[in-house]
């Protein structure tokens, strides 16, 4: 699979971001079966 997602400049700035380096990105994992992640 593939996905693309647009984060608006206003969202990023209003959340406390600014011009400069982004060093990490995170997603919240709500659920999955433990043995399925290997797929």
ModelCIF file with pLDDT and N, C-alpha, C, O atoms, coordinates in Angstrom:
data_MODEL
#
_entry.id   MODEL 
#
_entity.id                         1 
_entity.type                       polymer 
_entity.pdbx_number_of_molecules   1 
#
_entity_poly.entity_id                      1 
_entity_poly.type                           'polypeptide(L)' 
_entity_poly.nstd_linkage                   no 
_entity_poly.nstd_monomer                   no 
_entity_poly.pdbx_seq_one_letter_code       
;(UNK)(UNK)(UNK)(UNK)(UNK)(UNK)(UNK)(UNK)(UNK)(UNK)(UNK)(UNK)(UNK)(UNK)(UNK)(UNK)
(UNK)(UNK)(UNK)(UNK)(UNK)(UNK)(UNK)(UNK)(UNK)(UNK)(UNK)(UNK)(UNK)(UNK)(UNK)(UNK)
(UNK)(UNK)(UNK)(UNK)(UNK)(UNK)(UNK)
;
_entity_poly.pdbx_seq_one_letter_code_can   XXXXXXXXXXXXXXXXXXXXXXXXXXXXXXXXXXXXXXX 
_entity_poly.pdbx_strand_id                 A 
#
loop_
_entity_poly_seq.entity_id 
_entity_poly_seq.num 
_entity_poly_seq.mon_id 
_entity_poly_seq.hetero 
1 1  UNK n 
1 2  UNK n 
1 3  UNK n 
1 4  UNK n 
1 5  UNK n 
1 6  UNK n 
1 7  UNK n 
1 8  UNK n 
1 9  UNK n 
1 10 UNK n 
1 11 UNK n 
1 12 UNK n 
1 13 UNK n 
1 14 UNK n 
1 15 UNK n 
1 16 UNK n 
1 17 UNK n 
1 18 UNK n 
1 19 UNK n 
1 20 UNK n 
1 21 UNK n 
1 22 UNK n 
1 23 UNK n 
1 24 UNK n 
1 25 UNK n 
1 26 UNK n 
1 27 UNK n 
1 28 UNK n 
1 29 UNK n 
1 30 UNK n 
1 31 UNK n 
1 32 UNK n 
1 33 UNK n 
1 34 UNK n 
1 35 UNK n 
1 36 UNK n 
1 37 UNK n 
1 38 UNK n 
1 39 UNK n 
#
_struct_asym.id          A 
_struct_asym.entity_id   1 
#
loop_
_ma_qa_metric.id 
_ma_qa_metric.mode 
_ma_qa_metric.name 
_ma_qa_metric.software_group_id 
_ma_qa_metric.type 
1 global pLDDT . pLDDT 
2 local  pLDDT . pLDDT 
#
_ma_qa_metric_global.metric_id      1 
_ma_qa_metric_global.metric_value   92.64 
_ma_qa_metric_global.model_id       1 
_ma_qa_metric_global.ordinal_id     1 
#
loop_
_ma_qa_metric_local.label_asym_id 
_ma_qa_metric_local.label_comp_id 
_ma_qa_metric_local.label_seq_id 
_ma_qa_metric_local.metric_id 
_ma_qa_metric_local.metric_value 
_ma_qa_metric_local.model_id 
_ma_qa_metric_local.ordinal_id 
A UNK 1  2 96.00 1 1  
A UNK 2  2 98.00 1 2  
A UNK 3  2 98.00 1 3  
A UNK 4  2 98.00 1 4  
A UNK 5  2 98.00 1 5  
A UNK 6  2 98.00 1 6  
A UNK 7  2 98.00 1 7  
A UNK 8  2 98.00 1 8  
A UNK 9  2 98.00 1 9  
A UNK 10 2 98.00 1 10 
A UNK 11 2 98.00 1 11 
A UNK 12 2 98.00 1 12 
A UNK 13 2 97.00 1 13 
A UNK 14 2 97.00 1 14 
A UNK 15 2 97.00 1 15 
A UNK 16 2 96.00 1 16 
A UNK 17 2 96.00 1 17 
A UNK 18 2 96.00 1 18 
A UNK 19 2 97.00 1 19 
A UNK 20 2 96.00 1 20 
A UNK 21 2 97.00 1 21 
A UNK 22 2 98.00 1 22 
A UNK 23 2 98.00 1 23 
A UNK 24 2 98.00 1 24 
A UNK 25 2 98.00 1 25 
A UNK 26 2 98.00 1 26 
A UNK 27 2 98.00 1 27 
A UNK 28 2 97.00 1 28 
A UNK 29 2 95.00 1 29 
A UNK 30 2 94.00 1 30 
A UNK 31 2 89.00 1 31 
A UNK 32 2 85.00 1 32 
A UNK 33 2 74.00 1 33 
A UNK 34 2 65.00 1 34 
A UNK 35 2 61.00 1 35 
A UNK 36 2 74.00 1 36 
A UNK 37 2 83.00 1 37 
A UNK 38 2 82.00 1 38 
A UNK 39 2 83.00 1 39 
#
loop_
_atom_site.group_PDB 
_atom_site.id 
_atom_site.type_symbol 
_atom_site.label_atom_id 
_atom_site.label_alt_id 
_atom_site.label_comp_id 
_atom_site.label_asym_id 
_atom_site.label_entity_id 
_atom_site.label_seq_id 
_atom_site.pdbx_PDB_ins_code 
_atom_site.Cartn_x 
_atom_site.Cartn_y 
_atom_site.Cartn_z 
_atom_site.occupancy 
_atom_site.B_iso_or_equiv 
_atom_site.pdbx_formal_charge 
_atom_site.auth_seq_id 
_atom_site.auth_comp_id 
_atom_site.auth_asym_id 
_atom_site.auth_atom_id 
_atom_site.pdbx_PDB_model_num 
ATOM 1   N N  . UNK A 1 1  ? 0.831  -1.203  0.000  1.00 96.00 ? 1  UNK A N  1 
ATOM 2   C CA . UNK A 1 1  ? 0.000  0.000   0.000  1.00 96.00 ? 1  UNK A CA 1 
ATOM 3   C C  . UNK A 1 1  ? 0.864  1.250   0.000  1.00 96.00 ? 1  UNK A C  1 
ATOM 4   O O  . UNK A 1 1  ? 2.056  1.221   0.306  1.00 96.00 ? 1  UNK A O  1 
ATOM 5   N N  . UNK A 1 2  ? 0.210  2.348   -0.357 1.00 98.00 ? 2  UNK A N  1 
ATOM 6   C CA . UNK A 1 2  ? 0.841  3.665   -0.316 1.00 98.00 ? 2  UNK A CA 1 
ATOM 7   C C  . UNK A 1 2  ? -0.197 4.676   0.133  1.00 98.00 ? 2  UNK A C  1 
ATOM 8   O O  . UNK A 1 2  ? -1.380 4.535   -0.176 1.00 98.00 ? 2  UNK A O  1 
ATOM 9   N N  . UNK A 1 3  ? 0.239  5.690   0.857  1.00 98.00 ? 3  UNK A N  1 
ATOM 10  C CA . UNK A 1 3  ? -0.657 6.805   1.192  1.00 98.00 ? 3  UNK A CA 1 
ATOM 11  C C  . UNK A 1 3  ? 0.119  8.108   1.118  1.00 98.00 ? 3  UNK A C  1 
ATOM 12  O O  . UNK A 1 3  ? 1.336  8.146   1.300  1.00 98.00 ? 3  UNK A O  1 
ATOM 13  N N  . UNK A 1 4  ? -0.622 9.173   0.845  1.00 98.00 ? 4  UNK A N  1 
ATOM 14  C CA . UNK A 1 4  ? -0.068 10.520  0.927  1.00 98.00 ? 4  UNK A CA 1 
ATOM 15  C C  . UNK A 1 4  ? -1.035 11.376  1.734  1.00 98.00 ? 4  UNK A C  1 
ATOM 16  O O  . UNK A 1 4  ? -2.253 11.248  1.612  1.00 98.00 ? 4  UNK A O  1 
ATOM 17  N N  . UNK A 1 5  ? -0.471 12.248  2.556  1.00 98.00 ? 5  UNK A N  1 
ATOM 18  C CA . UNK A 1 5  ? -1.264 13.079  3.458  1.00 98.00 ? 5  UNK A CA 1 
ATOM 19  C C  . UNK A 1 5  ? -0.688 14.487  3.455  1.00 98.00 ? 5  UNK A C  1 
ATOM 20  O O  . UNK A 1 5  ? 0.524  14.675  3.551  1.00 98.00 ? 5  UNK A O  1 
ATOM 21  N N  . UNK A 1 6  ? -1.568 15.468  3.344  1.00 98.00 ? 6  UNK A N  1 
ATOM 22  C CA . UNK A 1 6  ? -1.150 16.876  3.355  1.00 98.00 ? 6  UNK A CA 1 
ATOM 23  C C  . UNK A 1 6  ? -1.367 17.461  4.740  1.00 98.00 ? 6  UNK A C  1 
ATOM 24  O O  . UNK A 1 6  ? -2.471 17.412  5.281  1.00 98.00 ? 6  UNK A O  1 
ATOM 25  N N  . UNK A 1 7  ? -0.307 18.013  5.307  1.00 98.00 ? 7  UNK A N  1 
ATOM 26  C CA . UNK A 1 7  ? -0.385 18.776  6.558  1.00 98.00 ? 7  UNK A CA 1 
ATOM 27  C C  . UNK A 1 7  ? -0.256 20.250  6.189  1.00 98.00 ? 7  UNK A C  1 
ATOM 28  O O  . UNK A 1 7  ? 0.762  20.670  5.639  1.00 98.00 ? 7  UNK A O  1 
ATOM 29  N N  . UNK A 1 8  ? -1.280 21.029  6.490  1.00 98.00 ? 8  UNK A N  1 
ATOM 30  C CA . UNK A 1 8  ? -1.251 22.442  6.135  1.00 98.00 ? 8  UNK A CA 1 
ATOM 31  C C  . UNK A 1 8  ? -0.203 23.191  6.951  1.00 98.00 ? 8  UNK A C  1 
ATOM 32  O O  . UNK A 1 8  ? 0.063  22.870  8.109  1.00 98.00 ? 8  UNK A O  1 
ATOM 33  N N  . UNK A 1 9  ? 0.381  24.197  6.310  1.00 98.00 ? 9  UNK A N  1 
ATOM 34  C CA . UNK A 1 9  ? 1.336  25.055  7.010  1.00 98.00 ? 9  UNK A CA 1 
ATOM 35  C C  . UNK A 1 9  ? 0.718  25.633  8.279  1.00 98.00 ? 9  UNK A C  1 
ATOM 36  O O  . UNK A 1 9  ? 1.372  25.706  9.319  1.00 98.00 ? 9  UNK A O  1 
ATOM 37  N N  . UNK A 1 10 ? -0.538 26.040  8.187  1.00 98.00 ? 10 UNK A N  1 
ATOM 38  C CA . UNK A 1 10 ? -1.205 26.643  9.347  1.00 98.00 ? 10 UNK A CA 1 
ATOM 39  C C  . UNK A 1 10 ? -1.354 25.645  10.488 1.00 98.00 ? 10 UNK A C  1 
ATOM 40  O O  . UNK A 1 10 ? -1.230 26.017  11.655 1.00 98.00 ? 10 UNK A O  1 
ATOM 41  N N  . UNK A 1 11 ? -1.618 24.385  10.166 1.00 98.00 ? 11 UNK A N  1 
ATOM 42  C CA . UNK A 1 11 ? -1.703 23.348  11.201 1.00 98.00 ? 11 UNK A CA 1 
ATOM 43  C C  . UNK A 1 11 ? -0.376 23.218  11.931 1.00 98.00 ? 11 UNK A C  1 
ATOM 44  O O  . UNK A 1 11 ? -0.326 23.192  13.160 1.00 98.00 ? 11 UNK A O  1 
ATOM 45  N N  . UNK A 1 12 ? 0.680  23.139  11.164 1.00 98.00 ? 12 UNK A N  1 
ATOM 46  C CA . UNK A 1 12 ? 2.009  22.929  11.739 1.00 98.00 ? 12 UNK A CA 1 
ATOM 47  C C  . UNK A 1 12 ? 2.439  24.123  12.590 1.00 98.00 ? 12 UNK A C  1 
ATOM 48  O O  . UNK A 1 12 ? 2.935  23.949  13.703 1.00 98.00 ? 12 UNK A O  1 
ATOM 49  N N  . UNK A 1 13 ? 2.248  25.326  12.070 1.00 97.00 ? 13 UNK A N  1 
ATOM 50  C CA . UNK A 1 13 ? 2.652  26.531  12.800 1.00 97.00 ? 13 UNK A CA 1 
ATOM 51  C C  . UNK A 1 13 ? 1.800  26.717  14.051 1.00 97.00 ? 13 UNK A C  1 
ATOM 52  O O  . UNK A 1 13 ? 2.327  27.038  15.116 1.00 97.00 ? 13 UNK A O  1 
ATOM 53  N N  . UNK A 1 14 ? 0.487  26.519  13.933 1.00 97.00 ? 14 UNK A N  1 
ATOM 54  C CA . UNK A 1 14 ? -0.399 26.700  15.084 1.00 97.00 ? 14 UNK A CA 1 
ATOM 55  C C  . UNK A 1 14 ? -0.162 25.663  16.175 1.00 97.00 ? 14 UNK A C  1 
ATOM 56  O O  . UNK A 1 14 ? -0.514 25.882  17.334 1.00 97.00 ? 14 UNK A O  1 
ATOM 57  N N  . UNK A 1 15 ? 0.440  24.528  15.799 1.00 97.00 ? 15 UNK A N  1 
ATOM 58  C CA . UNK A 1 15 ? 0.752  23.494  16.785 1.00 97.00 ? 15 UNK A CA 1 
ATOM 59  C C  . UNK A 1 15 ? 2.103  23.734  17.459 1.00 97.00 ? 15 UNK A C  1 
ATOM 60  O O  . UNK A 1 15 ? 2.546  22.929  18.279 1.00 97.00 ? 15 UNK A O  1 
ATOM 61  N N  . UNK A 1 16 ? 2.755  24.847  17.109 1.00 96.00 ? 16 UNK A N  1 
ATOM 62  C CA . UNK A 1 16 ? 4.020  25.206  17.755 1.00 96.00 ? 16 UNK A CA 1 
ATOM 63  C C  . UNK A 1 16 ? 5.250  24.972  16.907 1.00 96.00 ? 16 UNK A C  1 
ATOM 64  O O  . UNK A 1 16 ? 6.371  25.113  17.396 1.00 96.00 ? 16 UNK A O  1 
ATOM 65  N N  . UNK A 1 17 ? 5.065  24.616  15.638 1.00 96.00 ? 17 UNK A N  1 
ATOM 66  C CA . UNK A 1 17 ? 6.209  24.388  14.767 1.00 96.00 ? 17 UNK A CA 1 
ATOM 67  C C  . UNK A 1 17 ? 6.705  25.666  14.117 1.00 96.00 ? 17 UNK A C  1 
ATOM 68  O O  . UNK A 1 17 ? 6.051  26.706  14.181 1.00 96.00 ? 17 UNK A O  1 
ATOM 69  N N  . UNK A 1 18 ? 7.862  25.576  13.495 1.00 96.00 ? 18 UNK A N  1 
ATOM 70  C CA . UNK A 1 18 ? 8.462  26.723  12.824 1.00 96.00 ? 18 UNK A CA 1 
ATOM 71  C C  . UNK A 1 18 ? 9.385  26.212  11.731 1.00 96.00 ? 18 UNK A C  1 
ATOM 72  O O  . UNK A 1 18 ? 9.645  25.013  11.631 1.00 96.00 ? 18 UNK A O  1 
ATOM 73  N N  . UNK A 1 19 ? 9.873  27.127  10.917 1.00 97.00 ? 19 UNK A N  1 
ATOM 74  C CA . UNK A 1 19 ? 10.862 26.755  9.909  1.00 97.00 ? 19 UNK A CA 1 
ATOM 75  C C  . UNK A 1 19 ? 12.073 26.144  10.594 1.00 97.00 ? 19 UNK A C  1 
ATOM 76  O O  . UNK A 1 19 ? 12.498 26.595  11.658 1.00 97.00 ? 19 UNK A O  1 
ATOM 77  N N  . UNK A 1 20 ? 12.618 25.114  9.970  1.00 96.00 ? 20 UNK A N  1 
ATOM 78  C CA . UNK A 1 20 ? 13.786 24.434  10.538 1.00 96.00 ? 20 UNK A CA 1 
ATOM 79  C C  . UNK A 1 20 ? 13.646 22.936  10.409 1.00 96.00 ? 20 UNK A C  1 
ATOM 80  O O  . UNK A 1 20 ? 12.708 22.439  9.785  1.00 96.00 ? 20 UNK A O  1 
ATOM 81  N N  . UNK A 1 21 ? 14.567 22.229  10.991 1.00 97.00 ? 21 UNK A N  1 
ATOM 82  C CA . UNK A 1 21 ? 14.628 20.784  10.814 1.00 97.00 ? 21 UNK A CA 1 
ATOM 83  C C  . UNK A 1 21 ? 13.521 20.039  11.558 1.00 97.00 ? 21 UNK A C  1 
ATOM 84  O O  . UNK A 1 21 ? 13.179 20.367  12.694 1.00 97.00 ? 21 UNK A O  1 
ATOM 85  N N  . UNK A 1 22 ? 12.974 19.030  10.886 1.00 98.00 ? 22 UNK A N  1 
ATOM 86  C CA . UNK A 1 22 ? 12.125 18.016  11.508 1.00 98.00 ? 22 UNK A CA 1 
ATOM 87  C C  . UNK A 1 22 ? 12.985 16.754  11.602 1.00 98.00 ? 22 UNK A C  1 
ATOM 88  O O  . UNK A 1 22 ? 13.538 16.303  10.599 1.00 98.00 ? 22 UNK A O  1 
ATOM 89  N N  . UNK A 1 23 ? 13.095 16.190  12.796 1.00 98.00 ? 23 UNK A N  1 
ATOM 90  C CA . UNK A 1 23 ? 14.015 15.071  13.013 1.00 98.00 ? 23 UNK A CA 1 
ATOM 91  C C  . UNK A 1 23 ? 13.309 13.743  13.258 1.00 98.00 ? 23 UNK A C  1 
ATOM 92  O O  . UNK A 1 23 ? 13.917 12.683  13.110 1.00 98.00 ? 23 UNK A O  1 
ATOM 93  N N  . UNK A 1 24 ? 12.021 13.788  13.634 1.00 98.00 ? 24 UNK A N  1 
ATOM 94  C CA . UNK A 1 24 ? 11.287 12.556  13.917 1.00 98.00 ? 24 UNK A CA 1 
ATOM 95  C C  . UNK A 1 24 ? 9.836  12.715  13.488 1.00 98.00 ? 24 UNK A C  1 
ATOM 96  O O  . UNK A 1 24 ? 9.324  13.830  13.394 1.00 98.00 ? 24 UNK A O  1 
ATOM 97  N N  . UNK A 1 25 ? 9.174  11.581  13.225 1.00 98.00 ? 25 UNK A N  1 
ATOM 98  C CA . UNK A 1 25 ? 7.751  11.562  12.935 1.00 98.00 ? 25 UNK A CA 1 
ATOM 99  C C  . UNK A 1 25 ? 7.144  10.364  13.667 1.00 98.00 ? 25 UNK A C  1 
ATOM 100 O O  . UNK A 1 25 ? 7.793  9.330   13.828 1.00 98.00 ? 25 UNK A O  1 
ATOM 101 N N  . UNK A 1 26 ? 5.877  10.516  14.114 1.00 98.00 ? 26 UNK A N  1 
ATOM 102 C CA . UNK A 1 26 ? 5.232  9.463   14.899 1.00 98.00 ? 26 UNK A CA 1 
ATOM 103 C C  . UNK A 1 26 ? 3.790  9.271   14.447 1.00 98.00 ? 26 UNK A C  1 
ATOM 104 O O  . UNK A 1 26 ? 3.125  10.214  14.019 1.00 98.00 ? 26 UNK A O  1 
ATOM 105 N N  . UNK A 1 27 ? 3.320  8.025   14.550 1.00 98.00 ? 27 UNK A N  1 
ATOM 106 C CA . UNK A 1 27 ? 1.919  7.673   14.362 1.00 98.00 ? 27 UNK A CA 1 
ATOM 107 C C  . UNK A 1 27 ? 1.443  6.946   15.606 1.00 98.00 ? 27 UNK A C  1 
ATOM 108 O O  . UNK A 1 27 ? 2.215  6.217   16.229 1.00 98.00 ? 27 UNK A O  1 
ATOM 109 N N  . UNK A 1 28 ? 0.168  7.136   15.981 1.00 97.00 ? 28 UNK A N  1 
ATOM 110 C CA . UNK A 1 28 ? -0.367 6.428   17.148 1.00 97.00 ? 28 UNK A CA 1 
ATOM 111 C C  . UNK A 1 28 ? -1.000 5.123   16.693 1.00 97.00 ? 28 UNK A C  1 
ATOM 112 O O  . UNK A 1 28 ? -1.920 5.121   15.875 1.00 97.00 ? 28 UNK A O  1 
ATOM 113 N N  . UNK A 1 29 ? -0.500 4.009   17.229 1.00 95.00 ? 29 UNK A N  1 
ATOM 114 C CA . UNK A 1 29 ? -1.001 2.680   16.877 1.00 95.00 ? 29 UNK A CA 1 
ATOM 115 C C  . UNK A 1 29 ? -2.153 2.337   17.813 1.00 95.00 ? 29 UNK A C  1 
ATOM 116 O O  . UNK A 1 29 ? -1.947 2.096   19.002 1.00 95.00 ? 29 UNK A O  1 
ATOM 117 N N  . UNK A 1 30 ? -3.365 2.317   17.267 1.00 94.00 ? 30 UNK A N  1 
ATOM 118 C CA . UNK A 1 30 ? -4.525 2.059   18.113 1.00 94.00 ? 30 UNK A CA 1 
ATOM 119 C C  . UNK A 1 30 ? -4.737 0.565   18.361 1.00 94.00 ? 30 UNK A C  1 
ATOM 120 O O  . UNK A 1 30 ? -5.045 0.157   19.481 1.00 94.00 ? 30 UNK A O  1 
ATOM 121 N N  . UNK A 1 31 ? -4.571 -0.252  17.308 1.00 89.00 ? 31 UNK A N  1 
ATOM 122 C CA . UNK A 1 31 ? -4.780 -1.688  17.481 1.00 89.00 ? 31 UNK A CA 1 
ATOM 123 C C  . UNK A 1 31 ? -4.233 -2.467  16.302 1.00 89.00 ? 31 UNK A C  1 
ATOM 124 O O  . UNK A 1 31 ? -4.147 -1.945  15.191 1.00 89.00 ? 31 UNK A O  1 
ATOM 125 N N  . UNK A 1 32 ? -3.860 -3.726  16.545 1.00 85.00 ? 32 UNK A N  1 
ATOM 126 C CA . UNK A 1 32 ? -3.557 -4.723  15.531 1.00 85.00 ? 32 UNK A CA 1 
ATOM 127 C C  . UNK A 1 32 ? -3.292 -6.034  16.259 1.00 85.00 ? 32 UNK A C  1 
ATOM 128 O O  . UNK A 1 32 ? -2.968 -6.034  17.447 1.00 85.00 ? 32 UNK A O  1 
ATOM 129 N N  . UNK A 1 33 ? -3.428 -7.154  15.549 1.00 74.00 ? 33 UNK A N  1 
ATOM 130 C CA . UNK A 1 33 ? -3.081 -8.435  16.143 1.00 74.00 ? 33 UNK A CA 1 
ATOM 131 C C  . UNK A 1 33 ? -1.565 -8.568  16.190 1.00 74.00 ? 33 UNK A C  1 
ATOM 132 O O  . UNK A 1 33 ? -0.873 -8.258  15.221 1.00 74.00 ? 33 UNK A O  1 
ATOM 133 N N  . UNK A 1 34 ? -1.058 -9.033  17.327 1.00 65.00 ? 34 UNK A N  1 
ATOM 134 C CA . UNK A 1 34 ? 0.380  -9.014  17.586 1.00 65.00 ? 34 UNK A CA 1 
ATOM 135 C C  . UNK A 1 34 ? 1.189  -9.677  16.477 1.00 65.00 ? 34 UNK A C  1 
ATOM 136 O O  . UNK A 1 34 ? 2.238  -9.165  16.086 1.00 65.00 ? 34 UNK A O  1 
ATOM 137 N N  . UNK A 1 35 ? 0.711  -10.811 15.967 1.00 61.00 ? 35 UNK A N  1 
ATOM 138 C CA . UNK A 1 35 ? 1.500  -11.538 14.972 1.00 61.00 ? 35 UNK A CA 1 
ATOM 139 C C  . UNK A 1 35 ? 1.298  -11.034 13.554 1.00 61.00 ? 35 UNK A C  1 
ATOM 140 O O  . UNK A 1 35 ? 1.863  -11.596 12.616 1.00 61.00 ? 35 UNK A O  1 
ATOM 141 N N  . UNK A 1 36 ? 0.502  -9.984  13.380 1.00 74.00 ? 36 UNK A N  1 
ATOM 142 C CA . UNK A 1 36 ? 0.233  -9.489  12.022 1.00 74.00 ? 36 UNK A CA 1 
ATOM 143 C C  . UNK A 1 36 ? 1.250  -8.467  11.549 1.00 74.00 ? 36 UNK A C  1 
ATOM 144 O O  . UNK A 1 36 ? 1.374  -8.248  10.344 1.00 74.00 ? 36 UNK A O  1 
ATOM 145 N N  . UNK A 1 37 ? 1.986  -7.829  12.461 1.00 83.00 ? 37 UNK A N  1 
ATOM 146 C CA . UNK A 1 37 ? 2.875  -6.729  12.087 1.00 83.00 ? 37 UNK A CA 1 
ATOM 147 C C  . UNK A 1 37 ? 3.975  -7.165  11.139 1.00 83.00 ? 37 UNK A C  1 
ATOM 148 O O  . UNK A 1 37 ? 4.453  -6.360  10.341 1.00 83.00 ? 37 UNK A O  1 
ATOM 149 N N  . UNK A 1 38 ? 4.387  -8.428  11.209 1.00 82.00 ? 38 UNK A N  1 
ATOM 150 C CA . UNK A 1 38 ? 5.443  -8.902  10.330 1.00 82.00 ? 38 UNK A CA 1 
ATOM 151 C C  . UNK A 1 38 ? 5.037  -8.844  8.866  1.00 82.00 ? 38 UNK A C  1 
ATOM 152 O O  . UNK A 1 38 ? 5.884  -8.976  7.982  1.00 82.00 ? 38 UNK A O  1 
ATOM 153 N N  . UNK A 1 39 ? 3.760  -8.652  8.603  1.00 83.00 ? 39 UNK A N  1 
ATOM 154 C CA . UNK A 1 39 ? 3.267  -8.565  7.232  1.00 83.00 ? 39 UNK A CA 1 
ATOM 155 C C  . UNK A 1 39 ? 3.282  -7.148  6.669  1.00 83.00 ? 39 UNK A C  1 
ATOM 156 O O  . UNK A 1 39 ? 2.892  -6.936  5.521  1.00 83.00 ? 39 UNK A O  1 
#
